[in-house]
Amino acid sequence: RMPASWETSKTRVLPVINVGDKDKAKLKEEDEPEETFGLEEPETEENGDMDAIEQIASETLRSSMDDLLKSSDNLDEEVDEDDEVNSNTAKMPVAEQPEDDRDSGSHMIVLSKEEKDIFSYFMPIDGMEASICKALYSTKNYLQGKRDEGGHIIIQGIQGSGKTMLATSIVKVLQSQIGLPSGGVGKVDGDKLNGKDIGKLFSKIQGGCLIIEQAGDINRETAIRLTLMMQNDKSGILVILEDSKAGIERLTRLSMEINREFTEKIVIPPFTIDELVLFAKKYAADCECVIDEMGILALYDRINVIQSLDHPTAIQEVKEIMDEAMENADKGSKSFFGMFGNKKYDDKGFMIIREKNFQE
């Protein structure tokens, strides 16, 4: 950014010429040095007061950065009850990547079948795979030290859209591909982060991942502190922010610096009813259940009841519908056949979810 003020000067070089006495007075006038003027960048309410505050806060925080880091050396300290930190995150085997693919553009990244299974709930959404691949490519470069800034991720979506599920899936795939992040995974709400020692929190998850839910609740001071800790982190911590569109916009207006760090954004759009039904089928299969044809029609009806322009249905709501239907199906006879002689399990041993199981 251009400094607020600076001095400019001009030096004029004149050619050597022979002149008569009559012209000397005129040349003397022209050789007078020009005045120099201090130029000041015009300030507005938007970039004046806000940037001045940020500069003062940044200088103050940078001067105390060593103290913040020194106060956070004890890695064995107990985690606060409000924080969720898992230092024993299961690591997936590191897959060998072809050398050419490591330095190629995001368009060269293709998810393997195993990785698509990890993102299975989001694969039916148009454009989601490409968005995930782009974020993975940039974040891999950051974690492997190929870029100095950026590479951190924003996940945007309505409440119940599966933002945290997507965030943890990204961590699993990165661990599978490059073995990073290698530390613990912490999760905290934005409003609770405002009252915490961020240096202490970073020390607990060195080399790991910090997921911040409801990130729009972060205040300006916390946003600056978080950015400074990220810029001074040497352990390779990945930070993922989650919130709605309004929350993310509120946060990114607080500081220009934070926008330089969070260069990747994955937007989870509202699900179509067909995508929600596909999610329900996959969720049922994960629970060793299957929905029959009449049950599918009943599921469409249940989703239509809660779906509206003002309230797009989230996958969390569909999950709750499925949990209720599976519980109803399991309440029947424990024998192989249900109460009315209907087969309770299919040939694979999966419990069959029927139309009556979706009735409230």
Protein backbone atom coordinates (compact mmCIF):
# COMPACT_ATOMS: atom_id res chain seq x y z
CA ARG A 1 0.00 0.00 0.00
CA MET A 2 1.29 3.49 -0.84
CA PRO A 3 2.49 5.47 2.23
CA ALA A 4 0.25 8.24 3.47
CA SER A 5 2.70 10.93 2.44
CA TRP A 6 6.01 11.29 0.71
CA GLU A 7 8.32 13.98 -0.69
CA THR A 8 9.03 14.40 -4.37
CA SER A 9 11.76 16.41 -6.02
CA LYS A 10 12.70 17.14 -9.57
CA THR A 11 16.17 17.65 -10.98
CA ARG A 12 16.45 19.40 -14.30
CA VAL A 13 19.56 18.85 -16.45
CA LEU A 14 20.19 21.61 -18.97
CA PRO A 15 22.46 21.23 -22.00
CA VAL A 16 25.66 23.27 -22.08
CA ILE A 17 25.26 26.09 -24.58
CA ASN A 18 26.97 29.37 -25.34
CA VAL A 19 24.84 32.36 -24.68
CA GLY A 20 25.25 36.03 -24.85
CA ASP A 21 25.03 38.48 -22.00
CA LYS A 22 21.49 39.31 -22.94
CA ASP A 23 20.26 35.78 -22.23
CA LYS A 24 22.11 35.21 -18.94
CA ALA A 25 19.44 36.81 -16.86
CA LYS A 26 16.79 34.66 -18.46
CA LEU A 27 18.80 31.45 -17.94
CA LYS A 28 19.39 32.40 -14.33
CA GLU A 29 15.64 32.55 -13.82
CA GLU A 30 15.16 29.15 -15.42
CA ASP A 31 17.92 27.61 -13.25
CA GLU A 32 16.07 28.49 -10.05
CA PRO A 33 15.19 25.19 -8.28
CA GLU A 34 11.57 24.25 -8.36
CA GLU A 35 9.64 24.04 -5.12
CA THR A 36 8.95 20.59 -3.78
CA PHE A 37 5.58 19.67 -2.41
CA GLY A 38 4.57 17.00 0.06
CA LEU A 39 1.85 14.88 -1.48
CA GLU A 40 -0.72 13.31 0.74
CA GLU A 41 -2.97 10.43 -0.16
CA PRO A 42 -6.60 11.53 0.15
CA GLU A 43 -8.32 9.79 2.97
CA THR A 44 -11.94 8.85 3.13
CA GLU A 45 -14.01 7.65 6.05
CA GLU A 46 -13.68 4.15 4.70
CA ASN A 47 -9.90 3.87 4.21
CA GLY A 48 -8.81 6.67 6.55
CA ASP A 49 -10.12 5.92 10.01
CA MET A 50 -10.34 2.17 9.48
CA ASP A 51 -6.82 1.79 8.01
CA ALA A 52 -5.33 4.09 10.68
CA ILE A 53 -6.88 1.95 13.41
CA GLU A 54 -5.67 -1.22 11.72
CA GLN A 55 -2.14 0.16 11.33
CA ILE A 56 -1.94 1.17 15.00
CA ALA A 57 -3.38 -2.16 16.10
CA SER A 58 -1.05 -4.10 13.80
CA GLU A 59 2.08 -2.27 15.07
CA THR A 60 1.05 -2.85 18.68
CA LEU A 61 0.30 -6.52 18.10
CA ARG A 62 3.49 -7.13 16.13
CA SER A 63 5.58 -5.63 18.94
CA SER A 64 4.08 -8.14 21.37
CA MET A 65 4.15 -11.15 19.04
CA ASP A 66 7.22 -12.65 20.72
CA ASP A 67 5.49 -12.43 24.09
CA LEU A 68 2.40 -14.12 22.66
CA LEU A 69 4.47 -16.96 21.28
CA LYS A 70 6.61 -17.33 24.41
CA SER A 71 3.50 -17.53 26.56
CA SER A 72 2.26 -20.46 24.47
CA ASP A 73 5.15 -22.90 24.82
CA ASN A 74 3.32 -25.41 27.01
CA LEU A 75 1.73 -27.82 24.54
CA ASP A 76 0.42 -30.18 27.22
CA GLU A 77 -1.98 -27.67 28.80
CA GLU A 78 -5.58 -28.79 29.15
CA VAL A 79 -7.95 -27.70 26.39
CA ASP A 80 -10.82 -25.40 27.38
CA GLU A 81 -14.19 -27.10 27.52
CA ASP A 82 -15.56 -24.78 24.83
CA ASP A 83 -12.87 -25.86 22.34
CA GLU A 84 -12.92 -29.09 20.42
CA VAL A 85 -9.37 -30.19 19.65
CA ASN A 86 -8.58 -33.66 18.41
CA SER A 87 -4.85 -34.26 18.45
CA ASN A 88 -5.29 -37.89 17.43
CA THR A 89 -6.91 -37.30 14.06
CA ALA A 90 -6.77 -40.49 12.04
CA LYS A 91 -4.17 -40.16 9.31
CA MET A 92 -4.83 -41.73 5.94
CA PRO A 93 -1.91 -43.25 4.02
CA VAL A 94 -0.09 -40.75 1.84
CA ALA A 95 -0.79 -41.44 -1.80
CA GLU A 96 2.08 -41.17 -4.24
CA GLN A 97 1.47 -38.25 -6.60
CA PRO A 98 2.98 -38.14 -10.09
CA GLU A 99 5.66 -35.46 -10.22
CA ASP A 100 3.96 -33.70 -13.14
CA ASP A 101 0.67 -33.42 -11.27
CA ARG A 102 2.23 -31.79 -8.22
CA ASP A 103 3.10 -28.60 -10.08
CA SER A 104 0.21 -28.57 -12.49
CA GLY A 105 -2.81 -26.31 -12.39
CA SER A 106 -6.00 -27.12 -10.51
CA HIS A 107 -7.58 -28.26 -13.76
CA MET A 108 -5.21 -31.25 -13.66
CA ILE A 109 -6.44 -32.42 -10.23
CA VAL A 110 -8.91 -35.29 -10.39
CA LEU A 111 -10.39 -36.87 -7.29
CA SER A 112 -9.82 -40.59 -6.96
CA LYS A 113 -12.73 -42.95 -6.31
CA GLU A 114 -11.78 -43.12 -2.63
CA GLU A 115 -11.66 -39.32 -2.39
CA LYS A 116 -15.02 -38.97 -4.13
CA ASP A 117 -16.42 -41.34 -1.52
CA ILE A 118 -15.17 -38.99 1.19
CA PHE A 119 -16.95 -36.07 -0.52
CA SER A 120 -19.88 -38.28 -1.57
CA TYR A 121 -22.58 -36.06 -0.07
CA PHE A 122 -21.39 -33.11 -2.18
CA MET A 123 -20.54 -34.82 -5.46
CA PRO A 124 -24.10 -34.59 -6.89
CA ILE A 125 -23.94 -30.76 -6.69
CA ASP A 126 -23.08 -29.20 -10.04
CA GLY A 127 -19.61 -27.59 -10.01
CA MET A 128 -18.77 -28.72 -6.48
CA GLU A 129 -16.03 -31.16 -7.49
CA ALA A 130 -14.18 -28.47 -9.49
CA SER A 131 -14.47 -26.02 -6.59
CA ILE A 132 -13.09 -28.59 -4.14
CA CYS A 133 -10.21 -29.48 -6.48
CA LYS A 134 -9.22 -25.82 -6.85
CA ALA A 135 -9.14 -25.33 -3.08
CA LEU A 136 -7.15 -28.54 -2.60
CA TYR A 137 -4.54 -27.48 -5.16
CA SER A 138 -3.93 -24.06 -3.60
CA THR A 139 -3.94 -25.36 -0.03
CA LYS A 140 -1.50 -28.16 -0.91
CA ASN A 141 0.91 -25.56 -2.29
CA TYR A 142 0.64 -23.55 0.92
CA LEU A 143 1.15 -26.54 3.23
CA GLN A 144 4.13 -27.72 1.15
CA GLY A 145 5.76 -24.28 1.37
CA LYS A 146 5.28 -23.35 -2.29
CA ARG A 147 3.54 -20.08 -1.44
CA ASP A 148 4.12 -17.55 1.35
CA GLU A 149 0.54 -16.43 1.88
CA GLY A 150 -2.95 -17.55 1.00
CA GLY A 151 -4.18 -21.12 0.77
CA HIS A 152 -6.53 -20.95 3.75
CA ILE A 153 -10.17 -21.80 3.06
CA ILE A 154 -13.60 -20.23 3.47
CA ILE A 155 -16.64 -22.52 3.33
CA GLN A 156 -19.89 -20.63 2.78
CA GLY A 157 -23.38 -22.03 3.08
CA ILE A 158 -26.67 -21.85 4.95
CA GLN A 159 -27.07 -23.39 8.39
CA GLY A 160 -27.21 -27.17 8.19
CA SER A 161 -25.67 -27.33 4.71
CA GLY A 162 -22.80 -29.56 5.82
CA LYS A 163 -20.00 -26.99 6.11
CA THR A 164 -18.21 -28.76 8.95
CA MET A 165 -18.62 -32.11 7.21
CA LEU A 166 -16.97 -30.64 4.11
CA ALA A 167 -14.17 -29.06 6.17
CA THR A 168 -13.25 -32.33 7.88
CA SER A 169 -13.43 -34.13 4.52
CA ILE A 170 -10.93 -31.66 3.07
CA VAL A 171 -8.55 -32.35 5.96
CA LYS A 172 -8.85 -36.13 5.39
CA VAL A 173 -8.10 -35.84 1.68
CA LEU A 174 -5.12 -33.53 2.25
CA GLN A 175 -3.72 -36.00 4.76
CA SER A 176 -4.23 -38.77 2.23
CA GLN A 177 -2.46 -36.87 -0.54
CA ILE A 178 0.46 -35.15 1.22
CA GLY A 179 0.31 -36.21 4.89
CA LEU A 180 -0.58 -32.65 5.95
CA PRO A 181 -1.92 -31.13 8.12
CA SER A 182 -0.17 -33.45 10.54
CA GLY A 183 -1.25 -31.97 13.89
CA GLY A 184 -4.54 -31.90 15.77
CA VAL A 185 -7.82 -30.51 14.49
CA GLY A 186 -9.46 -27.81 16.61
CA LYS A 187 -12.96 -26.35 16.30
CA VAL A 188 -14.25 -23.14 17.91
CA ASP A 189 -17.12 -20.68 17.42
CA GLY A 190 -16.25 -17.18 16.24
CA ASP A 191 -17.81 -15.40 19.22
CA LYS A 192 -15.90 -17.61 21.67
CA LEU A 193 -12.64 -16.96 19.81
CA ASN A 194 -12.94 -13.24 20.68
CA GLY A 195 -12.13 -13.88 24.32
CA LYS A 196 -9.33 -16.39 23.81
CA ASP A 197 -5.54 -16.24 23.65
CA ILE A 198 -5.02 -17.09 19.97
CA GLY A 199 -1.31 -17.73 20.51
CA LYS A 200 -2.17 -20.33 23.15
CA LEU A 201 -4.74 -21.91 20.84
CA PHE A 202 -2.25 -22.11 17.96
CA SER A 203 0.31 -23.80 20.21
CA LYS A 204 -2.14 -26.63 20.91
CA ILE A 205 -2.68 -27.47 17.26
CA GLN A 206 0.76 -26.86 15.75
CA GLY A 207 0.87 -28.22 12.22
CA GLY A 208 -2.84 -29.03 12.42
CA CYS A 209 -6.10 -27.39 11.40
CA LEU A 210 -8.33 -24.80 13.09
CA ILE A 211 -12.00 -24.76 12.01
CA ILE A 212 -13.85 -21.59 13.01
CA GLU A 213 -17.63 -21.91 12.89
CA GLN A 214 -19.88 -18.81 12.72
CA ALA A 215 -16.76 -16.88 11.68
CA GLY A 216 -18.77 -13.71 11.06
CA ASP A 217 -19.00 -13.23 14.84
CA ILE A 218 -15.27 -12.50 15.04
CA ASN A 219 -14.58 -8.88 16.01
CA ARG A 220 -12.01 -6.58 14.41
CA GLU A 221 -9.31 -7.01 17.07
CA THR A 222 -9.58 -10.79 16.92
CA ALA A 223 -9.46 -10.72 13.10
CA ILE A 224 -6.18 -8.77 13.23
CA ARG A 225 -4.70 -11.02 15.91
CA LEU A 226 -5.71 -14.13 13.97
CA THR A 227 -4.13 -12.79 10.77
CA LEU A 228 -0.87 -11.91 12.54
CA MET A 229 -0.65 -15.35 14.13
CA MET A 230 -1.24 -16.96 10.73
CA GLN A 231 1.45 -14.80 9.12
CA ASN A 232 3.97 -15.69 11.84
CA ASP A 233 3.07 -19.38 12.08
CA LYS A 234 5.91 -21.68 11.05
CA SER A 235 4.24 -25.00 11.85
CA GLY A 236 1.89 -25.07 8.86
CA ILE A 237 -1.50 -24.58 10.52
CA LEU A 238 -4.47 -24.61 8.12
CA VAL A 239 -7.39 -22.34 9.06
CA ILE A 240 -10.89 -22.96 7.69
CA LEU A 241 -13.67 -20.40 8.21
CA GLU A 242 -17.36 -21.37 8.06
CA ASP A 243 -20.44 -19.17 7.89
CA SER A 244 -23.32 -17.93 5.77
CA LYS A 245 -22.81 -15.40 2.98
CA ALA A 246 -23.73 -12.50 5.27
CA GLY A 247 -21.37 -13.71 8.00
CA ILE A 248 -18.42 -14.14 5.62
CA GLU A 249 -18.98 -10.70 4.08
CA ARG A 250 -19.10 -9.13 7.55
CA LEU A 251 -15.77 -10.74 8.47
CA THR A 252 -13.92 -9.90 5.26
CA ARG A 253 -14.84 -6.22 5.65
CA LEU A 254 -12.98 -6.04 8.97
CA SER A 255 -9.44 -6.30 7.59
CA MET A 256 -7.78 -6.30 4.18
CA GLU A 257 -5.05 -8.56 5.56
CA ILE A 258 -7.45 -11.39 6.28
CA ASN A 259 -8.53 -11.43 2.64
CA ARG A 260 -4.93 -12.09 1.58
CA GLU A 261 -4.77 -15.21 3.73
CA PHE A 262 -8.15 -16.75 2.86
CA THR A 263 -7.78 -17.06 -0.90
CA GLU A 264 -9.94 -20.16 -1.39
CA LYS A 265 -13.72 -20.18 -1.09
CA ILE A 266 -16.10 -23.11 -1.51
CA VAL A 267 -19.75 -22.12 -1.71
CA ILE A 268 -22.32 -24.78 -0.89
CA PRO A 269 -25.41 -23.70 -2.83
CA PRO A 270 -28.96 -24.53 -1.76
CA PHE A 271 -29.64 -28.18 -2.62
CA THR A 272 -32.23 -29.08 -5.21
CA ILE A 273 -34.85 -31.60 -4.11
CA ASP A 274 -33.23 -34.28 -6.32
CA GLU A 275 -29.84 -33.62 -4.70
CA LEU A 276 -31.41 -33.92 -1.26
CA VAL A 277 -32.96 -37.27 -2.17
CA LEU A 278 -29.56 -38.49 -3.45
CA PHE A 279 -28.07 -37.42 -0.14
CA ALA A 280 -30.80 -39.35 1.72
CA LYS A 281 -30.06 -42.51 -0.29
CA LYS A 282 -26.32 -42.24 0.41
CA TYR A 283 -26.93 -41.54 4.08
CA ALA A 284 -29.25 -44.54 4.31
CA ALA A 285 -26.65 -46.76 2.63
CA ASP A 286 -24.01 -45.59 5.12
CA CYS A 287 -26.41 -46.72 7.86
CA GLU A 288 -26.95 -50.08 6.10
CA CYS A 289 -30.47 -49.15 5.02
CA VAL A 290 -32.20 -48.85 1.66
CA ILE A 291 -35.32 -46.87 0.64
CA ASP A 292 -37.90 -48.62 -1.54
CA GLU A 293 -39.75 -46.91 -4.41
CA MET A 294 -42.80 -45.86 -2.41
CA GLY A 295 -40.51 -44.69 0.37
CA ILE A 296 -38.71 -42.42 -2.12
CA LEU A 297 -42.03 -40.80 -3.08
CA ALA A 298 -42.86 -40.29 0.59
CA LEU A 299 -39.45 -38.70 1.11
CA TYR A 300 -40.10 -36.25 -1.74
CA ASP A 301 -43.37 -35.30 -0.04
CA ARG A 302 -41.67 -34.72 3.32
CA ILE A 303 -39.02 -32.50 1.74
CA ASN A 304 -41.64 -30.50 -0.18
CA VAL A 305 -43.44 -29.74 3.08
CA ILE A 306 -40.43 -27.87 4.51
CA GLN A 307 -39.01 -26.53 1.22
CA SER A 308 -39.80 -22.91 0.31
CA LEU A 309 -38.20 -19.92 -1.37
CA ASP A 310 -37.48 -18.35 2.00
CA HIS A 311 -36.32 -21.61 3.53
CA PRO A 312 -34.25 -23.91 1.30
CA THR A 313 -34.04 -27.37 2.82
CA ALA A 314 -30.63 -28.25 4.28
CA ILE A 315 -29.08 -31.70 4.40
CA GLN A 316 -29.25 -31.56 8.20
CA GLU A 317 -33.05 -31.48 7.94
CA VAL A 318 -33.05 -34.42 5.53
CA LYS A 319 -30.75 -36.30 7.89
CA GLU A 320 -33.27 -35.76 10.70
CA ILE A 321 -36.08 -37.07 8.46
CA MET A 322 -34.03 -40.17 7.65
CA ASP A 323 -33.09 -40.76 11.29
CA GLU A 324 -36.78 -40.70 12.18
CA ALA A 325 -37.71 -43.04 9.30
CA MET A 326 -34.96 -45.53 10.19
CA GLU A 327 -36.03 -45.50 13.82
CA ASN A 328 -39.65 -46.19 12.76
CA ALA A 329 -38.52 -49.06 10.55
CA ASP A 330 -36.49 -50.55 13.37
CA LYS A 331 -39.47 -50.45 15.76
CA GLY A 332 -41.20 -53.24 13.86
CA SER A 333 -40.72 -56.90 14.52
CA LYS A 334 -37.13 -57.93 15.10
CA SER A 335 -37.69 -60.99 12.94
CA PHE A 336 -36.70 -61.16 9.29
CA PHE A 337 -40.27 -60.19 8.33
CA GLY A 338 -42.12 -57.13 9.58
CA MET A 339 -45.49 -56.89 11.28
CA PHE A 340 -47.47 -57.35 8.07
CA GLY A 341 -45.30 -60.02 6.55
CA ASN A 342 -43.22 -57.57 4.51
CA LYS A 343 -39.58 -58.43 4.13
CA LYS A 344 -37.64 -56.26 6.53
CA TYR A 345 -34.18 -56.68 4.96
CA ASP A 346 -32.98 -56.87 1.38
CA ASP A 347 -30.60 -59.47 -0.05
CA LYS A 348 -27.58 -57.52 1.22
CA GLY A 349 -28.97 -57.46 4.74
CA PHE A 350 -29.87 -53.76 4.57
CA MET A 351 -33.00 -52.68 6.43
CA ILE A 352 -35.73 -51.50 4.02
CA ILE A 353 -37.25 -48.04 4.64
CA ARG A 354 -40.85 -47.94 3.42
CA GLU A 355 -43.52 -45.31 2.82
CA LYS A 356 -45.16 -45.79 6.22
CA ASN A 357 -41.83 -45.17 7.94
CA PHE A 358 -41.85 -41.55 6.69
CA GLN A 359 -45.28 -40.80 8.14
CA GLU A 360 -45.04 -38.40 11.07
